[in-house]
Amino acid sequence: MFTFILGSLAGGLAVWYWGEQLRELAESKTRGVRKGAADTLKTVEKTAESVLDRTKEQVSSALQAGQDAIRPPHVTR
Protein backbone atom coordinates (compact mmCIF):
# COMPACT_ATOMS: atom_id res chain seq x y z
CA MET A 1 0.00 0.00 0.00
CA PHE A 2 2.87 2.32 0.83
CA THR A 3 4.43 1.82 -2.62
CA PHE A 4 1.11 2.64 -4.30
CA ILE A 5 0.84 5.93 -2.38
CA LEU A 6 4.50 6.72 -3.05
CA GLY A 7 4.03 6.01 -6.78
CA SER A 8 0.92 8.19 -6.95
CA LEU A 9 2.73 11.00 -5.20
CA ALA A 10 5.74 10.70 -7.54
CA GLY A 11 3.46 10.68 -10.61
CA GLY A 12 1.60 13.75 -9.38
CA LEU A 13 4.84 15.61 -8.76
CA ALA A 14 6.17 14.65 -12.20
CA VAL A 15 3.01 15.92 -13.91
CA TRP A 16 3.12 19.13 -11.88
CA TYR A 17 6.81 19.73 -12.68
CA TRP A 18 6.91 18.60 -16.32
CA GLY A 19 3.21 18.94 -17.21
CA GLU A 20 3.50 21.85 -19.62
CA GLN A 21 6.47 20.30 -21.41
CA LEU A 22 4.59 17.01 -21.73
CA ARG A 23 1.54 18.79 -23.17
CA GLU A 24 3.69 20.66 -25.71
CA LEU A 25 5.45 17.43 -26.69
CA ALA A 26 2.15 15.60 -27.13
CA GLU A 27 0.77 18.50 -29.17
CA SER A 28 3.74 18.63 -31.53
CA LYS A 29 4.05 14.87 -31.98
CA THR A 30 0.37 14.22 -32.65
CA ARG A 31 -0.35 17.15 -34.99
CA GLY A 32 0.18 15.10 -38.15
CA VAL A 33 -1.85 12.18 -36.85
CA ARG A 34 -4.74 14.44 -35.89
CA LYS A 35 -4.64 16.18 -39.29
CA GLY A 36 -4.69 12.80 -41.04
CA ALA A 37 -7.62 11.66 -38.92
CA ALA A 38 -9.54 14.85 -39.71
CA ASP A 39 -8.89 14.41 -43.44
CA THR A 40 -10.04 10.79 -43.25
CA LEU A 41 -13.23 11.81 -41.47
CA LYS A 42 -13.94 14.40 -44.18
CA THR A 43 -13.49 11.73 -46.88
CA VAL A 44 -15.80 9.36 -45.00
CA GLU A 45 -18.38 12.15 -44.71
CA LYS A 46 -18.33 12.80 -48.46
CA THR A 47 -18.55 9.09 -49.26
CA ALA A 48 -21.43 8.58 -46.82
CA GLU A 49 -23.33 11.53 -48.31
CA SER A 50 -22.91 10.08 -51.79
CA VAL A 51 -24.05 6.62 -50.71
CA LEU A 52 -27.05 8.04 -48.86
CA ASP A 53 -28.07 10.13 -51.87
CA ARG A 54 -27.92 7.11 -54.18
CA THR A 55 -29.80 4.97 -51.67
CA LYS A 56 -32.49 7.62 -51.31
CA GLU A 57 -32.95 7.71 -55.09
CA GLN A 58 -33.16 3.89 -55.26
CA VAL A 59 -35.68 3.70 -52.41
CA SER A 60 -37.81 6.44 -53.96
CA SER A 61 -37.74 4.67 -57.31
CA ALA A 62 -38.64 1.33 -55.74
CA LEU A 63 -41.50 2.87 -53.78
CA GLN A 64 -42.85 4.58 -56.88
CA ALA A 65 -42.66 1.31 -58.83
CA GLY A 66 -44.47 -0.46 -56.00
CA GLN A 67 -47.21 2.15 -55.95
CA ASP A 68 -47.59 1.93 -59.71
CA ALA A 69 -47.79 -1.87 -59.53
CA ILE A 70 -50.56 -1.99 -56.92
CA ARG A 71 -52.56 1.04 -58.04
CA PRO A 72 -55.73 -0.05 -59.80
CA PRO A 73 -55.88 0.87 -63.48
CA HIS A 74 -57.65 4.10 -64.32
CA VAL A 75 -60.98 3.38 -65.96
CA THR A 76 -62.24 5.95 -68.46
CA ARG A 77 -65.97 6.20 -69.27
C-alpha atoms as a PDB file:
ATOM      1  CA  MET A   1       0.000   0.000   0.000  1.00  0.00           C
ATOM      2  CA  PHE A   2       2.869   2.315   0.833  1.00  0.00           C
ATOM      3  CA  THR A   3       4.432   1.819  -2.616  1.00  0.00           C
ATOM      4  CA  PHE A   4       1.107   2.640  -4.296  1.00  0.00           C
ATOM      5  CA  ILE A   5       0.838   5.929  -2.380  1.00  0.00           C
ATOM      6  CA  LEU A   6       4.502   6.717  -3.051  1.00  0.00           C
ATOM      7  CA  GLY A   7       4.025   6.013  -6.784  1.00  0.00           C
ATOM      8  CA  SER A   8       0.915   8.185  -6.949  1.00  0.00           C
ATOM      9  CA  LEU A   9       2.725  11.004  -5.202  1.00  0.00           C
ATOM     10  CA  ALA A  10       5.738  10.697  -7.538  1.00  0.00           C
ATOM     11  CA  GLY A  11       3.464  10.681 -10.605  1.00  0.00           C
ATOM     12  CA  GLY A  12       1.598  13.745  -9.381  1.00  0.00           C
ATOM     13  CA  LEU A  13       4.839  15.611  -8.759  1.00  0.00           C
ATOM     14  CA  ALA A  14       6.169  14.652 -12.201  1.00  0.00           C
ATOM     15  CA  VAL A  15       3.006  15.925 -13.905  1.00  0.00           C
ATOM     16  CA  TRP A  16       3.124  19.126 -11.880  1.00  0.00           C
ATOM     17  CA  TYR A  17       6.809  19.725 -12.676  1.00  0.00           C
ATOM     18  CA  TRP A  18       6.914  18.600 -16.324  1.00  0.00           C
ATOM     19  CA  GLY A  19       3.213  18.936 -17.213  1.00  0.00           C
ATOM     20  CA  GLU A  20       3.503  21.853 -19.623  1.00  0.00           C
ATOM     21  CA  GLN A  21       6.473  20.297 -21.407  1.00  0.00           C
ATOM     22  CA  LEU A  22       4.588  17.006 -21.728  1.00  0.00           C
ATOM     23  CA  ARG A  23       1.539  18.791 -23.170  1.00  0.00           C
ATOM     24  CA  GLU A  24       3.685  20.656 -25.709  1.00  0.00           C
ATOM     25  CA  LEU A  25       5.449  17.428 -26.694  1.00  0.00           C
ATOM     26  CA  ALA A  26       2.152  15.598 -27.127  1.00  0.00           C
ATOM     27  CA  GLU A  27       0.767  18.504 -29.173  1.00  0.00           C
ATOM     28  CA  SER A  28       3.745  18.633 -31.532  1.00  0.00           C
ATOM     29  CA  LYS A  29       4.054  14.867 -31.979  1.00  0.00           C
ATOM     30  CA  THR A  30       0.370  14.224 -32.654  1.00  0.00           C
ATOM     31  CA  ARG A  31      -0.347  17.150 -34.989  1.00  0.00           C
ATOM     32  CA  GLY A  32       0.179  15.096 -38.147  1.00  0.00           C
ATOM     33  CA  VAL A  33      -1.851  12.183 -36.852  1.00  0.00           C
ATOM     34  CA  ARG A  34      -4.744  14.444 -35.895  1.00  0.00           C
ATOM     35  CA  LYS A  35      -4.641  16.177 -39.291  1.00  0.00           C
ATOM     36  CA  GLY A  36      -4.689  12.801 -41.039  1.00  0.00           C
ATOM     37  CA  ALA A  37      -7.620  11.657 -38.922  1.00  0.00           C
ATOM     38  CA  ALA A  38      -9.543  14.852 -39.709  1.00  0.00           C
ATOM     39  CA  ASP A  39      -8.886  14.405 -43.440  1.00  0.00           C
ATOM     40  CA  THR A  40     -10.038  10.788 -43.253  1.00  0.00           C
ATOM     41  CA  LEU A  41     -13.231  11.809 -41.471  1.00  0.00           C
ATOM     42  CA  LYS A  42     -13.935  14.403 -44.183  1.00  0.00           C
ATOM     43  CA  THR A  43     -13.486  11.734 -46.876  1.00  0.00           C
ATOM     44  CA  VAL A  44     -15.799   9.361 -44.999  1.00  0.00           C
ATOM     45  CA  GLU A  45     -18.379  12.146 -44.709  1.00  0.00           C
ATOM     46  CA  LYS A  46     -18.333  12.801 -48.460  1.00  0.00           C
ATOM     47  CA  THR A  47     -18.554   9.091 -49.259  1.00  0.00           C
ATOM     48  CA  ALA A  48     -21.427   8.578 -46.819  1.00  0.00           C
ATOM     49  CA  GLU A  49     -23.329  11.532 -48.312  1.00  0.00           C
ATOM     50  CA  SER A  50     -22.910  10.078 -51.794  1.00  0.00           C
ATOM     51  CA  VAL A  51     -24.052   6.616 -50.715  1.00  0.00           C
ATOM     52  CA  LEU A  52     -27.049   8.036 -48.858  1.00  0.00           C
ATOM     53  CA  ASP A  53     -28.069  10.134 -51.871  1.00  0.00           C
ATOM     54  CA  ARG A  54     -27.916   7.108 -54.179  1.00  0.00           C
ATOM     55  CA  THR A  55     -29.797   4.973 -51.674  1.00  0.00           C
ATOM     56  CA  LYS A  56     -32.494   7.621 -51.312  1.00  0.00           C
ATOM     57  CA  GLU A  57     -32.953   7.707 -55.088  1.00  0.00           C
ATOM     58  CA  GLN A  58     -33.164   3.891 -55.261  1.00  0.00           C
ATOM     59  CA  VAL A  59     -35.680   3.703 -52.412  1.00  0.00           C
ATOM     60  CA  SER A  60     -37.814   6.443 -53.960  1.00  0.00           C
ATOM     61  CA  SER A  61     -37.735   4.674 -57.309  1.00  0.00           C
ATOM     62  CA  ALA A  62     -38.639   1.325 -55.745  1.00  0.00           C
ATOM     63  CA  LEU A  63     -41.504   2.865 -53.776  1.00  0.00           C
ATOM     64  CA  GLN A  64     -42.851   4.578 -56.879  1.00  0.00           C
ATOM     65  CA  ALA A  65     -42.660   1.312 -58.829  1.00  0.00           C
ATOM     66  CA  GLY A  66     -44.474  -0.464 -56.000  1.00  0.00           C
ATOM     67  CA  GLN A  67     -47.211   2.155 -55.946  1.00  0.00           C
ATOM     68  CA  ASP A  68     -47.593   1.927 -59.715  1.00  0.00           C
ATOM     69  CA  ALA A  69     -47.787  -1.868 -59.527  1.00  0.00           C
ATOM     70  CA  ILE A  70     -50.558  -1.990 -56.924  1.00  0.00           C
ATOM     71  CA  ARG A  71     -52.557   1.041 -58.045  1.00  0.00           C
ATOM     72  CA  PRO A  72     -55.727  -0.052 -59.800  1.00  0.00           C
ATOM     73  CA  PRO A  73     -55.875   0.868 -63.483  1.00  0.00           C
ATOM     74  CA  HIS A  74     -57.648   4.104 -64.316  1.00  0.00           C
ATOM     75  CA  VAL A  75     -60.979   3.381 -65.956  1.00  0.00           C
ATOM     76  CA  THR A  76     -62.240   5.953 -68.463  1.00  0.00           C
ATOM     77  CA  ARG A  77     -65.967   6.198 -69.268  1.00  0.00           C
END
